[in-house]
Amino acid sequence: MERTRKPSLPGDILKEMYLDPLGMTIAAFAERIGVSRKTVSAIVNGRAPVTVDMALRLARAFNTTPDLWLNLQQAVDIWEARRNPGNWMQIQPIAYPV
């Protein structure tokens, strides 16, 4: 079943479920996990994706799994790709012999 609504961005989850309840600023969090404020800000504002390295940092900081953060990012990436058809739409399925 295909989603009709865009999945939540990992940055939205990071801000609303982790940083805001902790009363932590983007700058303080960035310093805590050893990245620039600009890097965290870009993720929170939906301008940059969560990378594997960032997923590991987020997982360590919040005692979650990297899979959580990467799955959130993957859901958004797939949703956006399906709405912006590219050359992949021209690929014909390969029939497997039965």
PDB file of N, CA and C in Angstrom:
ATOM      1  N   MET A   1       0.838  -1.179   0.000  1.00  0.00           N
ATOM      2  CA  MET A   1       0.000   0.000   0.000  1.00  0.00           C
ATOM      3  C   MET A   1       0.885   1.246   0.000  1.00  0.00           C
ATOM      4  N   GLU A   2       0.599   2.153  -0.883  1.00  0.00           N
ATOM      5  CA  GLU A   2       1.414   3.348  -1.008  1.00  0.00           C
ATOM      6  C   GLU A   2       0.890   4.456  -0.108  1.00  0.00           C
ATOM      7  N   ARG A   3       1.824   5.148   0.528  1.00  0.00           N
ATOM      8  CA  ARG A   3       1.462   6.260   1.408  1.00  0.00           C
ATOM      9  C   ARG A   3       0.962   7.440   0.585  1.00  0.00           C
ATOM     10  N   THR A   4      -0.016   8.136   1.119  1.00  0.00           N
ATOM     11  CA  THR A   4      -0.491   9.348   0.463  1.00  0.00           C
ATOM     12  C   THR A   4       0.073  10.590   1.162  1.00  0.00           C
ATOM     13  N   ARG A   5       0.498  10.411   2.391  1.00  0.00           N
ATOM     14  CA  ARG A   5       1.053  11.509   3.174  1.00  0.00           C
ATOM     15  C   ARG A   5       2.553  11.304   3.331  1.00  0.00           C
ATOM     16  N   LYS A   6       3.297  12.378   3.211  1.00  0.00           N
ATOM     17  CA  LYS A   6       4.749  12.298   3.358  1.00  0.00           C
ATOM     18  C   LYS A   6       5.104  11.836   4.772  1.00  0.00           C
ATOM     19  N   PRO A   7       6.018  10.881   4.879  1.00  0.00           N
ATOM     20  CA  PRO A   7       6.448  10.430   6.213  1.00  0.00           C
ATOM     21  C   PRO A   7       7.120  11.566   6.978  1.00  0.00           C
ATOM     22  N   SER A   8       7.113  11.447   8.277  1.00  0.00           N
ATOM     23  CA  SER A   8       7.786  12.450   9.114  1.00  0.00           C
ATOM     24  C   SER A   8       9.277  12.451   8.818  1.00  0.00           C
ATOM     25  N   LEU A   9       9.837  13.633   8.744  1.00  0.00           N
ATOM     26  CA  LEU A   9      11.279  13.759   8.532  1.00  0.00           C
ATOM     27  C   LEU A   9      12.021  13.379   9.813  1.00  0.00           C
ATOM     28  N   PRO A  10      13.174  12.746   9.672  1.00  0.00           N
ATOM     29  CA  PRO A  10      13.951  12.419  10.873  1.00  0.00           C
ATOM     30  C   PRO A  10      14.261  13.661  11.708  1.00  0.00           C
ATOM     31  N   GLY A  11      14.470  14.791  11.050  1.00  0.00           N
ATOM     32  CA  GLY A  11      14.743  16.033  11.775  1.00  0.00           C
ATOM     33  C   GLY A  11      13.575  16.496  12.616  1.00  0.00           C
ATOM     34  N   ASP A  12      12.348  16.260  12.121  1.00  0.00           N
ATOM     35  CA  ASP A  12      11.155  16.602  12.909  1.00  0.00           C
ATOM     36  C   ASP A  12      11.094  15.746  14.169  1.00  0.00           C
ATOM     37  N   ILE A  13      11.366  14.447  14.000  1.00  0.00           N
ATOM     38  CA  ILE A  13      11.356  13.523  15.149  1.00  0.00           C
ATOM     39  C   ILE A  13      12.444  13.938  16.143  1.00  0.00           C
ATOM     40  N   LEU A  14      13.621  14.231  15.618  1.00  0.00           N
ATOM     41  CA  LEU A  14      14.738  14.643  16.473  1.00  0.00           C
ATOM     42  C   LEU A  14      14.356  15.860  17.306  1.00  0.00           C
ATOM     43  N   LYS A  15      13.791  16.853  16.676  1.00  0.00           N
ATOM     44  CA  LYS A  15      13.450  18.095  17.384  1.00  0.00           C
ATOM     45  C   LYS A  15      12.277  17.908  18.343  1.00  0.00           C
ATOM     46  N   GLU A  16      11.183  17.337  17.831  1.00  0.00           N
ATOM     47  CA  GLU A  16       9.958  17.281  18.623  1.00  0.00           C
ATOM     48  C   GLU A  16       9.970  16.224  19.728  1.00  0.00           C
ATOM     49  N   MET A  17      10.664  15.120  19.493  1.00  0.00           N
ATOM     50  CA  MET A  17      10.618  14.031  20.471  1.00  0.00           C
ATOM     51  C   MET A  17      11.861  13.934  21.347  1.00  0.00           C
ATOM     52  N   TYR A  18      12.918  14.617  20.948  1.00  0.00           N
ATOM     53  CA  TYR A  18      14.156  14.511  21.717  1.00  0.00           C
ATOM     54  C   TYR A  18      14.674  15.863  22.195  1.00  0.00           C
ATOM     55  N   LEU A  19      14.956  16.770  21.276  1.00  0.00           N
ATOM     56  CA  LEU A  19      15.574  18.034  21.689  1.00  0.00           C
ATOM     57  C   LEU A  19      14.630  18.920  22.492  1.00  0.00           C
ATOM     58  N   ASP A  20      13.409  19.126  21.984  1.00  0.00           N
ATOM     59  CA  ASP A  20      12.467  20.001  22.699  1.00  0.00           C
ATOM     60  C   ASP A  20      12.156  19.498  24.108  1.00  0.00           C
ATOM     61  N   PRO A  21      11.812  18.205  24.287  1.00  0.00           N
ATOM     62  CA  PRO A  21      11.535  17.742  25.652  1.00  0.00           C
ATOM     63  C   PRO A  21      12.732  17.879  26.602  1.00  0.00           C
ATOM     64  N   LEU A  22      13.938  17.794  26.042  1.00  0.00           N
ATOM     65  CA  LEU A  22      15.131  17.947  26.869  1.00  0.00           C
ATOM     66  C   LEU A  22      15.506  19.410  27.082  1.00  0.00           C
ATOM     67  N   GLY A  23      14.843  20.306  26.354  1.00  0.00           N
ATOM     68  CA  GLY A  23      15.186  21.721  26.438  1.00  0.00           C
ATOM     69  C   GLY A  23      16.581  21.995  25.889  1.00  0.00           C
ATOM     70  N   MET A  24      17.005  21.171  24.930  1.00  0.00           N
ATOM     71  CA  MET A  24      18.355  21.283  24.369  1.00  0.00           C
ATOM     72  C   MET A  24      18.319  22.030  23.047  1.00  0.00           C
ATOM     73  N   THR A  25      19.225  22.966  22.899  1.00  0.00           N
ATOM     74  CA  THR A  25      19.307  23.708  21.649  1.00  0.00           C
ATOM     75  C   THR A  25      20.049  22.889  20.600  1.00  0.00           C
ATOM     76  N   ILE A  26      19.881  23.296  19.360  1.00  0.00           N
ATOM     77  CA  ILE A  26      20.598  22.643  18.268  1.00  0.00           C
ATOM     78  C   ILE A  26      22.101  22.781  18.479  1.00  0.00           C
ATOM     79  N   ALA A  27      22.540  23.955  18.882  1.00  0.00           N
ATOM     80  CA  ALA A  27      23.967  24.197  19.098  1.00  0.00           C
ATOM     81  C   ALA A  27      24.529  23.314  20.214  1.00  0.00           C
ATOM     82  N   ALA A  28      23.799  23.217  21.319  1.00  0.00           N
ATOM     83  CA  ALA A  28      24.261  22.392  22.442  1.00  0.00           C
ATOM     84  C   ALA A  28      24.299  20.919  22.056  1.00  0.00           C
ATOM     85  N   PHE A  29      23.281  20.482  21.323  1.00  0.00           N
ATOM     86  CA  PHE A  29      23.249  19.081  20.897  1.00  0.00           C
ATOM     87  C   PHE A  29      24.385  18.788  19.919  1.00  0.00           C
ATOM     88  N   ALA A  30      24.596  19.690  18.985  1.00  0.00           N
ATOM     89  CA  ALA A  30      25.671  19.510  17.996  1.00  0.00           C
ATOM     90  C   ALA A  30      27.021  19.371  18.695  1.00  0.00           C
ATOM     91  N   GLU A  31      27.259  20.222  19.664  1.00  0.00           N
ATOM     92  CA  GLU A  31      28.516  20.148  20.410  1.00  0.00           C
ATOM     93  C   GLU A  31      28.625  18.813  21.145  1.00  0.00           C
ATOM     94  N   ARG A  32      27.526  18.385  21.705  1.00  0.00           N
ATOM     95  CA  ARG A  32      27.497  17.130  22.477  1.00  0.00           C
ATOM     96  C   ARG A  32      27.836  15.917  21.628  1.00  0.00           C
ATOM     97  N   ILE A  33      27.394  15.917  20.349  1.00  0.00           N
ATOM     98  CA  ILE A  33      27.647  14.750  19.497  1.00  0.00           C
ATOM     99  C   ILE A  33      28.828  14.959  18.545  1.00  0.00           C
ATOM    100  N   GLY A  34      29.509  16.089  18.654  1.00  0.00           N
ATOM    101  CA  GLY A  34      30.728  16.307  17.912  1.00  0.00           C
ATOM    102  C   GLY A  34      30.571  16.666  16.446  1.00  0.00           C
ATOM    103  N   VAL A  35      29.499  17.395  16.126  1.00  0.00           N
ATOM    104  CA  VAL A  35      29.299  17.878  14.751  1.00  0.00           C
ATOM    105  C   VAL A  35      29.005  19.375  14.808  1.00  0.00           C
ATOM    106  N   SER A  36      28.961  20.004  13.647  1.00  0.00           N
ATOM    107  CA  SER A  36      28.682  21.441  13.627  1.00  0.00           C
ATOM    108  C   SER A  36      27.196  21.720  13.847  1.00  0.00           C
ATOM    109  N   ARG A  37      26.924  22.917  14.344  1.00  0.00           N
ATOM    110  CA  ARG A  37      25.539  23.356  14.514  1.00  0.00           C
ATOM    111  C   ARG A  37      24.839  23.353  13.163  1.00  0.00           C
ATOM    112  N   LYS A  38      25.568  23.738  12.129  1.00  0.00           N
ATOM    113  CA  LYS A  38      25.023  23.791  10.778  1.00  0.00           C
ATOM    114  C   LYS A  38      24.540  22.402  10.319  1.00  0.00           C
ATOM    115  N   THR A  39      25.279  21.365  10.666  1.00  0.00           N
ATOM    116  CA  THR A  39      24.906  19.999  10.291  1.00  0.00           C
ATOM    117  C   THR A  39      23.583  19.595  10.943  1.00  0.00           C
ATOM    118  N   VAL A  40      23.465  19.803  12.234  1.00  0.00           N
ATOM    119  CA  VAL A  40      22.223  19.438  12.944  1.00  0.00           C
ATOM    120  C   VAL A  40      21.073  20.313  12.476  1.00  0.00           C
ATOM    121  N   SER A  41      21.327  21.590  12.288  1.00  0.00           N
ATOM    122  CA  SER A  41      20.293  22.504  11.816  1.00  0.00           C
ATOM    123  C   SER A  41      19.744  22.062  10.457  1.00  0.00           C
ATOM    124  N   ALA A  42      20.625  21.657   9.562  1.00  0.00           N
ATOM    125  CA  ALA A  42      20.187  21.207   8.233  1.00  0.00           C
ATOM    126  C   ALA A  42      19.296  19.981   8.330  1.00  0.00           C
ATOM    127  N   ILE A  43      19.602  19.073   9.231  1.00  0.00           N
ATOM    128  CA  ILE A  43      18.759  17.877   9.412  1.00  0.00           C
ATOM    129  C   ILE A  43      17.416  18.273  10.021  1.00  0.00           C
ATOM    130  N   VAL A  44      17.450  19.065  11.067  1.00  0.00           N
ATOM    131  CA  VAL A  44      16.214  19.485  11.742  1.00  0.00           C
ATOM    132  C   VAL A  44      15.297  20.258  10.789  1.00  0.00           C
ATOM    133  N   ASN A  45      15.873  21.039   9.902  1.00  0.00           N
ATOM    134  CA  ASN A  45      15.079  21.847   8.974  1.00  0.00           C
ATOM    135  C   ASN A  45      14.804  21.153   7.644  1.00  0.00           C
ATOM    136  N   GLY A  46      15.135  19.880   7.553  1.00  0.00           N
ATOM    137  CA  GLY A  46      14.815  19.094   6.366  1.00  0.00           C
ATOM    138  C   GLY A  46      15.645  19.416   5.141  1.00  0.00           C
ATOM    139  N   ARG A  47      16.799  20.034   5.336  1.00  0.00           N
ATOM    140  CA  ARG A  47      17.657  20.380   4.204  1.00  0.00           C
ATOM    141  C   ARG A  47      18.758  19.351   3.967  1.00  0.00           C
ATOM    142  N   ALA A  48      18.943  18.429   4.910  1.00  0.00           N
ATOM    143  CA  ALA A  48      19.981  17.407   4.778  1.00  0.00           C
ATOM    144  C   ALA A  48      19.444  16.087   5.324  1.00  0.00           C
ATOM    145  N   PRO A  49      19.864  14.985   4.722  1.00  0.00           N
ATOM    146  CA  PRO A  49      19.406  13.674   5.199  1.00  0.00           C
ATOM    147  C   PRO A  49      20.231  13.195   6.391  1.00  0.00           C
ATOM    148  N   VAL A  50      19.704  12.214   7.084  1.00  0.00           N
ATOM    149  CA  VAL A  50      20.454  11.536   8.134  1.00  0.00           C
ATOM    150  C   VAL A  50      21.368  10.525   7.446  1.00  0.00           C
ATOM    151  N   THR A  51      22.656  10.668   7.660  1.00  0.00           N
ATOM    152  CA  THR A  51      23.639   9.746   7.100  1.00  0.00           C
ATOM    153  C   THR A  51      23.869   8.590   8.074  1.00  0.00           C
ATOM    154  N   VAL A  52      24.616   7.598   7.639  1.00  0.00           N
ATOM    155  CA  VAL A  52      24.942   6.476   8.521  1.00  0.00           C
ATOM    156  C   VAL A  52      25.709   6.970   9.743  1.00  0.00           C
ATOM    157  N   ASP A  53      26.678   7.852   9.523  1.00  0.00           N
ATOM    158  CA  ASP A  53      27.447   8.398  10.646  1.00  0.00           C
ATOM    159  C   ASP A  53      26.537   9.132  11.625  1.00  0.00           C
ATOM    160  N   MET A  54      25.641   9.953  11.106  1.00  0.00           N
ATOM    161  CA  MET A  54      24.732  10.695  11.983  1.00  0.00           C
ATOM    162  C   MET A  54      23.777   9.740  12.702  1.00  0.00           C
ATOM    163  N   ALA A  55      23.311   8.711  12.001  1.00  0.00           N
ATOM    164  CA  ALA A  55      22.429   7.732  12.637  1.00  0.00           C
ATOM    165  C   ALA A  55      23.129   7.058  13.815  1.00  0.00           C
ATOM    166  N   LEU A  56      24.407   6.754  13.657  1.00  0.00           N
ATOM    167  CA  LEU A  56      25.176   6.161  14.759  1.00  0.00           C
ATOM    168  C   LEU A  56      25.307   7.140  15.923  1.00  0.00           C
ATOM    169  N   ARG A  57      25.527   8.404  15.614  1.00  0.00           N
ATOM    170  CA  ARG A  57      25.639   9.425  16.666  1.00  0.00           C
ATOM    171  C   ARG A  57      24.307   9.612  17.398  1.00  0.00           C
ATOM    172  N   LEU A  58      23.221   9.687  16.644  1.00  0.00           N
ATOM    173  CA  LEU A  58      21.892   9.851  17.244  1.00  0.00           C
ATOM    174  C   LEU A  58      21.540   8.646  18.107  1.00  0.00           C
ATOM    175  N   ALA A  59      21.828   7.464  17.603  1.00  0.00           N
ATOM    176  CA  ALA A  59      21.534   6.240  18.351  1.00  0.00           C
ATOM    177  C   ALA A  59      22.301   6.213  19.667  1.00  0.00           C
ATOM    178  N   ARG A  60      23.546   6.591  19.606  1.00  0.00           N
ATOM    179  CA  ARG A  60      24.376   6.601  20.820  1.00  0.00           C
ATOM    180  C   ARG A  60      23.871   7.648  21.810  1.00  0.00           C
ATOM    181  N   ALA A  61      23.544   8.831  21.311  1.00  0.00           N
ATOM    182  CA  ALA A  61      23.100   9.926  22.183  1.00  0.00           C
ATOM    183  C   ALA A  61      21.781   9.619  22.871  1.00  0.00           C
ATOM    184  N   PHE A  62      20.859   8.973  22.155  1.00  0.00           N
ATOM    185  CA  PHE A  62      19.512   8.782  22.692  1.00  0.00           C
ATOM    186  C   PHE A  62      19.177   7.332  23.023  1.00  0.00           C
ATOM    187  N   ASN A  63      20.194   6.471  23.004  1.00  0.00           N
ATOM    188  CA  ASN A  63      19.993   5.065  23.334  1.00  0.00           C
ATOM    189  C   ASN A  63      18.907   4.430  22.460  1.00  0.00           C
ATOM    190  N   THR A  64      18.997   4.719  21.166  1.00  0.00           N
ATOM    191  CA  THR A  64      18.094   4.101  20.188  1.00  0.00           C
ATOM    192  C   THR A  64      18.971   3.236  19.281  1.00  0.00           C
ATOM    193  N   THR A  65      18.473   2.896  18.126  1.00  0.00           N
ATOM    194  CA  THR A  65      19.275   2.150  17.168  1.00  0.00           C
ATOM    195  C   THR A  65      19.526   3.017  15.942  1.00  0.00           C
ATOM    196  N   PRO A  66      20.632   2.786  15.246  1.00  0.00           N
ATOM    197  CA  PRO A  66      20.854   3.514  14.007  1.00  0.00           C
ATOM    198  C   PRO A  66      19.763   3.193  12.988  1.00  0.00           C
ATOM    199  N   ASP A  67      19.245   1.970  13.063  1.00  0.00           N
ATOM    200  CA  ASP A  67      18.180   1.548  12.140  1.00  0.00           C
ATOM    201  C   ASP A  67      16.963   2.457  12.236  1.00  0.00           C
ATOM    202  N   LEU A  68      16.627   2.895  13.437  1.00  0.00           N
ATOM    203  CA  LEU A  68      15.480   3.786  13.612  1.00  0.00           C
ATOM    204  C   LEU A  68      15.645   5.026  12.734  1.00  0.00           C
ATOM    205  N   TRP A  69      16.784   5.680  12.839  1.00  0.00           N
ATOM    206  CA  TRP A  69      17.031   6.919  12.123  1.00  0.00           C
ATOM    207  C   TRP A  69      17.158   6.692  10.626  1.00  0.00           C
ATOM    208  N   LEU A  70      17.814   5.599  10.245  1.00  0.00           N
ATOM    209  CA  LEU A  70      17.973   5.305   8.814  1.00  0.00           C
ATOM    210  C   LEU A  70      16.647   4.892   8.180  1.00  0.00           C
ATOM    211  N   ASN A  71      15.815   4.168   8.914  1.00  0.00           N
ATOM    212  CA  ASN A  71      14.500   3.793   8.391  1.00  0.00           C
ATOM    213  C   ASN A  71      13.606   5.012   8.211  1.00  0.00           C
ATOM    214  N   LEU A  72      13.681   5.960   9.135  1.00  0.00           N
ATOM    215  CA  LEU A  72      12.928   7.206   8.977  1.00  0.00           C
ATOM    216  C   LEU A  72      13.374   7.926   7.712  1.00  0.00           C
ATOM    217  N   GLN A  73      14.685   8.007   7.511  1.00  0.00           N
ATOM    218  CA  GLN A  73      15.221   8.685   6.328  1.00  0.00           C
ATOM    219  C   GLN A  73      14.845   7.938   5.056  1.00  0.00           C
ATOM    220  N   GLN A  74      14.944   6.616   5.089  1.00  0.00           N
ATOM    221  CA  GLN A  74      14.620   5.816   3.908  1.00  0.00           C
ATOM    222  C   GLN A  74      13.151   5.977   3.507  1.00  0.00           C
ATOM    223  N   ALA A  75      12.267   6.032   4.474  1.00  0.00           N
ATOM    224  CA  ALA A  75      10.840   6.202   4.170  1.00  0.00           C
ATOM    225  C   ALA A  75      10.603   7.518   3.430  1.00  0.00           C
ATOM    226  N   VAL A  76      11.268   8.581   3.866  1.00  0.00           N
ATOM    227  CA  VAL A  76      11.135   9.884   3.207  1.00  0.00           C
ATOM    228  C   VAL A  76      11.740   9.836   1.811  1.00  0.00           C
ATOM    229  N   ASP A  77      12.924   9.241   1.690  1.00  0.00           N
ATOM    230  CA  ASP A  77      13.610   9.174   0.394  1.00  0.00           C
ATOM    231  C   ASP A  77      12.777   8.419  -0.640  1.00  0.00           C
ATOM    232  N   ILE A  78      12.211   7.289  -0.252  1.00  0.00           N
ATOM    233  CA  ILE A  78      11.400   6.495  -1.178  1.00  0.00           C
ATOM    234  C   ILE A  78      10.126   7.241  -1.540  1.00  0.00           C
ATOM    235  N   TRP A  79       9.487   7.865  -0.572  1.00  0.00           N
ATOM    236  CA  TRP A  79       8.259   8.622  -0.828  1.00  0.00           C
ATOM    237  C   TRP A  79       8.524   9.723  -1.842  1.00  0.00           C
ATOM    238  N   GLU A  80       9.633  10.462  -1.645  1.00  0.00           N
ATOM    239  CA  GLU A  80       9.965  11.552  -2.566  1.00  0.00           C
ATOM    240  C   GLU A  80      10.334  11.026  -3.953  1.00  0.00           C
ATOM    241  N   ALA A  81      11.062   9.937  -4.019  1.00  0.00           N
ATOM    242  CA  ALA A  81      11.459   9.367  -5.316  1.00  0.00           C
ATOM    243  C   ALA A  81      10.241   8.910  -6.114  1.00  0.00           C
ATOM    244  N   ARG A  82       9.264   8.358  -5.438  1.00  0.00           N
ATOM    245  CA  ARG A  82       8.053   7.909  -6.136  1.00  0.00           C
ATOM    246  C   ARG A  82       7.233   9.069  -6.678  1.00  0.00           C
ATOM    247  N   ARG A  83       7.385  10.236  -6.092  1.00  0.00           N
ATOM    248  CA  ARG A  83       6.642  11.400  -6.559  1.00  0.00           C
ATOM    249  C   ARG A  83       7.401  12.223  -7.592  1.00  0.00           C
ATOM    250  N   ASN A  84       8.640  11.890  -7.816  1.00  0.00           N
ATOM    251  CA  ASN A  84       9.477  12.562  -8.810  1.00  0.00           C
ATOM    252  C   ASN A  84      10.013  11.523  -9.774  1.00  0.00           C
ATOM    253  N   PRO A  85       9.135  11.007 -10.643  1.00  0.00           N
ATOM    254  CA  PRO A  85       9.553   9.921 -11.525  1.00  0.00           C
ATOM    255  C   PRO A  85      10.770  10.302 -12.368  1.00  0.00           C
ATOM    256  N   GLY A  86      11.664   9.373 -12.482  1.00  0.00           N
ATOM    257  CA  GLY A  86      12.861   9.564 -13.288  1.00  0.00           C
ATOM    258  C   GLY A  86      12.964   8.446 -14.308  1.00  0.00           C
ATOM    259  N   ASN A  87      14.142   8.214 -14.791  1.00  0.00           N
ATOM    260  CA  ASN A  87      14.368   7.167 -15.774  1.00  0.00           C
ATOM    261  C   ASN A  87      14.009   5.777 -15.261  1.00  0.00           C
ATOM    262  N   TRP A  88      14.001   5.589 -13.964  1.00  0.00           N
ATOM    263  CA  TRP A  88      13.681   4.279 -13.412  1.00  0.00           C
ATOM    264  C   TRP A  88      12.261   3.842 -13.780  1.00  0.00           C
ATOM    265  N   MET A  89      11.387   4.796 -14.085  1.00  0.00           N
ATOM    266  CA  MET A  89      10.004   4.457 -14.462  1.00  0.00           C
ATOM    267  C   MET A  89       9.943   3.768 -15.829  1.00  0.00           C
ATOM    268  N   GLN A  90      10.979   3.925 -16.641  1.00  0.00           N
ATOM    269  CA  GLN A  90      10.987   3.338 -17.977  1.00  0.00           C
ATOM    270  C   GLN A  90      11.476   1.880 -17.980  1.00  0.00           C
ATOM    271  N   ILE A  91      11.979   1.417 -16.866  1.00  0.00           N
ATOM    272  CA  ILE A  91      12.498   0.048 -16.777  1.00  0.00           C
ATOM    273  C   ILE A  91      11.323  -0.930 -16.807  1.00  0.00           C
ATOM    274  N   GLN A  92      11.436  -1.902 -17.681  1.00  0.00           N
ATOM    275  CA  GLN A  92      10.420  -2.939 -17.775  1.00  0.00           C
ATOM    276  C   GLN A  92      10.787  -4.095 -16.848  1.00  0.00           C
ATOM    277  N   PRO A  93       9.806  -4.660 -16.148  1.00  0.00           N
ATOM    278  CA  PRO A  93      10.082  -5.793 -15.276  1.00  0.00           C
ATOM    279  C   PRO A  93      10.661  -6.972 -16.073  1.00  0.00           C
ATOM    280  N   ILE A  94      11.559  -7.697 -15.455  1.00  0.00           N
ATOM    281  CA  ILE A  94      12.153  -8.873 -16.066  1.00  0.00           C
ATOM    282  C   ILE A  94      11.341 -10.084 -15.633  1.00  0.00           C
ATOM    283  N   ALA A  95      10.855 -10.815 -16.617  1.00  0.00           N
ATOM    284  CA  ALA A  95      10.042 -12.002 -16.321  1.00  0.00           C
ATOM    285  C   ALA A  95      10.950 -13.149 -15.890  1.00  0.00           C
ATOM    286  N   TYR A  96      10.644 -13.711 -14.740  1.00  0.00           N
ATOM    287  CA  TYR A  96      11.368 -14.866 -14.242  1.00  0.00           C
ATOM    288  C   TYR A  96      10.688 -16.129 -14.750  1.00  0.00           C
ATOM    289  N   PRO A  97      11.463 -17.115 -15.247  1.00  0.00           N
ATOM    290  CA  PRO A  97      10.828 -18.361 -15.674  1.00  0.00           C
ATOM    291  C   PRO A  97      10.253 -19.089 -14.456  1.00  0.00           C
ATOM    292  N   VAL A  98       9.165 -19.719 -14.642  1.00  0.00           N
ATOM    293  CA  VAL A  98       8.501 -20.406 -13.523  1.00  0.00           C
ATOM    294  C   VAL A  98       9.011 -21.796 -13.335  1.00  0.00           C
TER     295      VAL A  98
END
